[in-house]
N, C-alpha and C. Protein backbone atom coordinates (compact mmCIF):
# COMPACT_ATOMS: atom_id res chain seq x y z
N MET A 1 -42.44 60.54 -56.48
CA MET A 1 -42.35 61.25 -57.69
C MET A 1 -40.95 61.32 -58.02
N GLN A 2 -40.59 61.20 -59.31
CA GLN A 2 -39.24 61.31 -59.79
C GLN A 2 -38.86 62.57 -60.21
N ASN A 3 -38.13 63.36 -59.33
CA ASN A 3 -37.64 64.72 -59.62
C ASN A 3 -36.83 64.74 -60.84
N SER A 4 -36.09 63.72 -61.17
CA SER A 4 -35.16 64.01 -62.36
C SER A 4 -35.85 64.01 -63.68
N LYS A 5 -36.92 63.28 -63.79
CA LYS A 5 -37.67 63.35 -65.12
C LYS A 5 -38.53 64.65 -65.11
N LEU A 6 -38.90 65.16 -63.96
CA LEU A 6 -39.68 66.38 -63.96
C LEU A 6 -38.63 67.53 -64.42
N GLN A 7 -37.33 67.45 -63.76
CA GLN A 7 -36.42 68.42 -64.02
C GLN A 7 -35.98 68.55 -65.56
N GLN A 8 -35.99 67.31 -65.98
CA GLN A 8 -35.64 67.07 -67.56
C GLN A 8 -36.75 67.77 -68.28
N ALA A 9 -38.00 67.54 -67.94
CA ALA A 9 -39.05 68.21 -68.76
C ALA A 9 -39.11 69.66 -68.59
N ILE A 10 -38.88 70.17 -67.43
CA ILE A 10 -38.61 71.63 -67.27
C ILE A 10 -37.55 72.18 -68.06
N ALA A 11 -36.46 71.55 -68.09
CA ALA A 11 -35.31 72.07 -68.91
C ALA A 11 -35.60 72.08 -70.38
N GLU A 12 -36.43 71.02 -70.87
CA GLU A 12 -36.75 71.03 -72.38
C GLU A 12 -38.06 71.96 -72.60
N GLY A 13 -38.58 72.64 -71.71
CA GLY A 13 -39.56 73.67 -71.89
C GLY A 13 -40.87 72.88 -72.23
N ALA A 14 -41.12 71.69 -71.76
CA ALA A 14 -42.30 71.04 -72.18
C ALA A 14 -43.54 71.48 -71.51
N LEU A 15 -44.67 71.45 -72.32
CA LEU A 15 -45.93 71.79 -71.64
C LEU A 15 -46.38 70.64 -70.70
N LEU A 16 -46.74 71.11 -69.39
CA LEU A 16 -46.97 70.08 -68.38
C LEU A 16 -48.29 70.32 -67.69
N GLU A 17 -48.89 69.44 -67.16
CA GLU A 17 -50.07 69.37 -66.28
C GLU A 17 -49.52 68.91 -64.91
N ILE A 18 -49.47 69.78 -63.93
CA ILE A 18 -48.99 69.60 -62.59
C ILE A 18 -50.05 69.47 -61.60
N HIS A 19 -50.12 68.30 -60.86
CA HIS A 19 -51.17 68.12 -59.83
C HIS A 19 -50.40 68.17 -58.44
N LEU A 20 -50.73 69.16 -57.64
CA LEU A 20 -50.11 69.26 -56.25
C LEU A 20 -50.75 68.39 -55.25
N ILE A 21 -50.09 68.31 -54.17
CA ILE A 21 -50.69 67.35 -53.05
C ILE A 21 -51.78 68.16 -52.36
N SER A 22 -51.93 69.34 -52.66
CA SER A 22 -53.07 70.19 -52.00
C SER A 22 -54.28 70.06 -52.90
N GLY A 23 -54.21 69.35 -54.03
CA GLY A 23 -55.38 69.16 -54.84
C GLY A 23 -55.51 70.11 -56.05
N GLU A 24 -54.66 71.09 -56.26
CA GLU A 24 -54.78 72.03 -57.19
C GLU A 24 -54.13 71.47 -58.49
N THR A 25 -54.61 71.79 -59.59
CA THR A 25 -53.92 71.41 -60.87
C THR A 25 -53.72 72.55 -61.66
N TYR A 26 -52.47 72.59 -62.29
CA TYR A 26 -52.07 73.79 -63.20
C TYR A 26 -51.50 73.23 -64.46
N LYS A 27 -51.68 74.04 -65.54
CA LYS A 27 -51.15 73.70 -66.97
C LYS A 27 -50.23 74.75 -67.28
N GLY A 28 -49.06 74.41 -67.72
CA GLY A 28 -48.07 75.47 -68.16
C GLY A 28 -46.62 74.93 -68.45
N THR A 29 -45.65 75.78 -68.34
CA THR A 29 -44.25 75.33 -68.51
C THR A 29 -43.46 75.81 -67.42
N GLY A 30 -42.53 74.93 -67.13
CA GLY A 30 -41.63 75.27 -65.92
C GLY A 30 -40.31 75.88 -66.48
N GLU A 31 -39.62 76.62 -65.58
CA GLU A 31 -38.41 77.29 -65.76
C GLU A 31 -37.46 77.08 -64.42
N LYS A 32 -36.37 76.84 -64.68
CA LYS A 32 -35.38 76.54 -63.65
C LYS A 32 -35.30 77.80 -62.67
N ASN A 33 -35.10 77.60 -61.44
CA ASN A 33 -35.24 78.49 -60.25
C ASN A 33 -33.71 78.48 -59.77
N HIS A 34 -33.44 79.58 -59.07
CA HIS A 34 -32.09 79.73 -58.34
C HIS A 34 -31.79 78.67 -57.33
N THR A 35 -32.83 78.02 -56.86
CA THR A 35 -32.60 77.00 -55.74
C THR A 35 -32.98 75.59 -56.26
N ALA A 36 -32.26 74.56 -55.74
CA ALA A 36 -32.39 73.28 -56.17
C ALA A 36 -33.73 72.60 -55.73
N ASN A 37 -34.39 73.22 -54.83
CA ASN A 37 -35.59 72.57 -54.29
C ASN A 37 -36.87 73.00 -54.92
N SER A 38 -36.81 74.01 -55.76
CA SER A 38 -38.16 74.49 -56.27
C SER A 38 -37.82 74.90 -57.82
N PHE A 39 -38.85 75.26 -58.38
CA PHE A 39 -38.87 75.86 -59.80
C PHE A 39 -40.07 76.70 -60.03
N GLU A 40 -40.00 77.53 -61.04
CA GLU A 40 -41.08 78.51 -61.36
C GLU A 40 -41.92 77.84 -62.46
N PHE A 41 -43.23 77.91 -62.45
CA PHE A 41 -44.10 77.41 -63.29
C PHE A 41 -45.05 78.44 -63.87
N LYS A 42 -44.89 78.67 -65.17
CA LYS A 42 -45.61 79.81 -65.90
C LYS A 42 -46.87 79.19 -66.43
N THR A 43 -48.11 79.78 -65.83
CA THR A 43 -49.45 79.45 -66.41
C THR A 43 -50.05 80.58 -67.10
N ASP A 44 -51.26 80.50 -67.51
CA ASP A 44 -52.07 81.65 -68.05
C ASP A 44 -52.43 82.62 -66.92
N ALA A 45 -52.51 82.15 -65.79
CA ALA A 45 -52.85 83.00 -64.52
C ALA A 45 -51.61 83.76 -64.03
N GLY A 46 -50.46 83.19 -64.31
CA GLY A 46 -49.28 83.95 -63.64
C GLY A 46 -48.12 83.09 -63.60
N LEU A 47 -47.21 83.47 -62.83
CA LEU A 47 -45.95 82.68 -62.33
C LEU A 47 -45.94 82.21 -60.97
N LEU A 48 -45.89 80.98 -60.90
CA LEU A 48 -45.89 80.31 -59.52
C LEU A 48 -44.38 79.74 -59.22
N THR A 49 -44.13 79.80 -57.92
CA THR A 49 -42.88 79.28 -57.42
C THR A 49 -43.33 78.01 -56.64
N LEU A 50 -42.87 76.87 -57.07
CA LEU A 50 -43.36 75.56 -56.43
C LEU A 50 -42.13 74.74 -56.01
N PRO A 51 -42.13 74.43 -54.68
CA PRO A 51 -41.23 73.46 -54.18
C PRO A 51 -41.49 72.04 -54.93
N PHE A 52 -40.44 71.44 -55.25
CA PHE A 52 -40.58 70.16 -55.79
C PHE A 52 -41.49 69.07 -54.93
N TRP A 53 -41.21 69.18 -53.50
CA TRP A 53 -42.01 68.28 -52.68
C TRP A 53 -43.62 68.33 -52.67
N THR A 54 -44.07 69.50 -53.30
CA THR A 54 -45.45 69.73 -53.46
C THR A 54 -46.11 68.97 -54.59
N ILE A 55 -45.26 68.56 -55.48
CA ILE A 55 -45.77 67.83 -56.65
C ILE A 55 -46.15 66.42 -56.39
N LYS A 56 -47.44 66.26 -56.61
CA LYS A 56 -48.05 64.70 -56.38
C LYS A 56 -47.67 64.03 -57.76
N ARG A 57 -48.08 64.49 -58.87
CA ARG A 57 -47.87 63.93 -60.15
C ARG A 57 -47.90 65.01 -61.26
N TYR A 58 -47.32 64.53 -62.38
CA TYR A 58 -47.37 65.50 -63.55
C TYR A 58 -47.43 64.60 -64.71
N LYS A 59 -47.78 65.35 -65.90
CA LYS A 59 -47.76 64.60 -67.15
C LYS A 59 -47.36 65.51 -68.15
N ARG A 60 -46.72 65.17 -69.28
CA ARG A 60 -46.45 66.01 -70.48
C ARG A 60 -47.79 66.06 -71.34
N LEU A 61 -48.04 67.32 -71.78
CA LEU A 61 -49.05 67.43 -72.70
C LEU A 61 -48.85 67.55 -74.15
């Protein structure tokens, strides 16, 4: 998975659908985190802190 394109989408505040390697899927927007290895993902259900390595794929909505 290409982190640079995902990081760009997060910086732009794009609405994303994230599919994790564990099988879960979330829709929301990302926010930069204090660490380089993770980001915060805001969904209707709440705020998740996700390491980049857990992302299997994503798409802009």
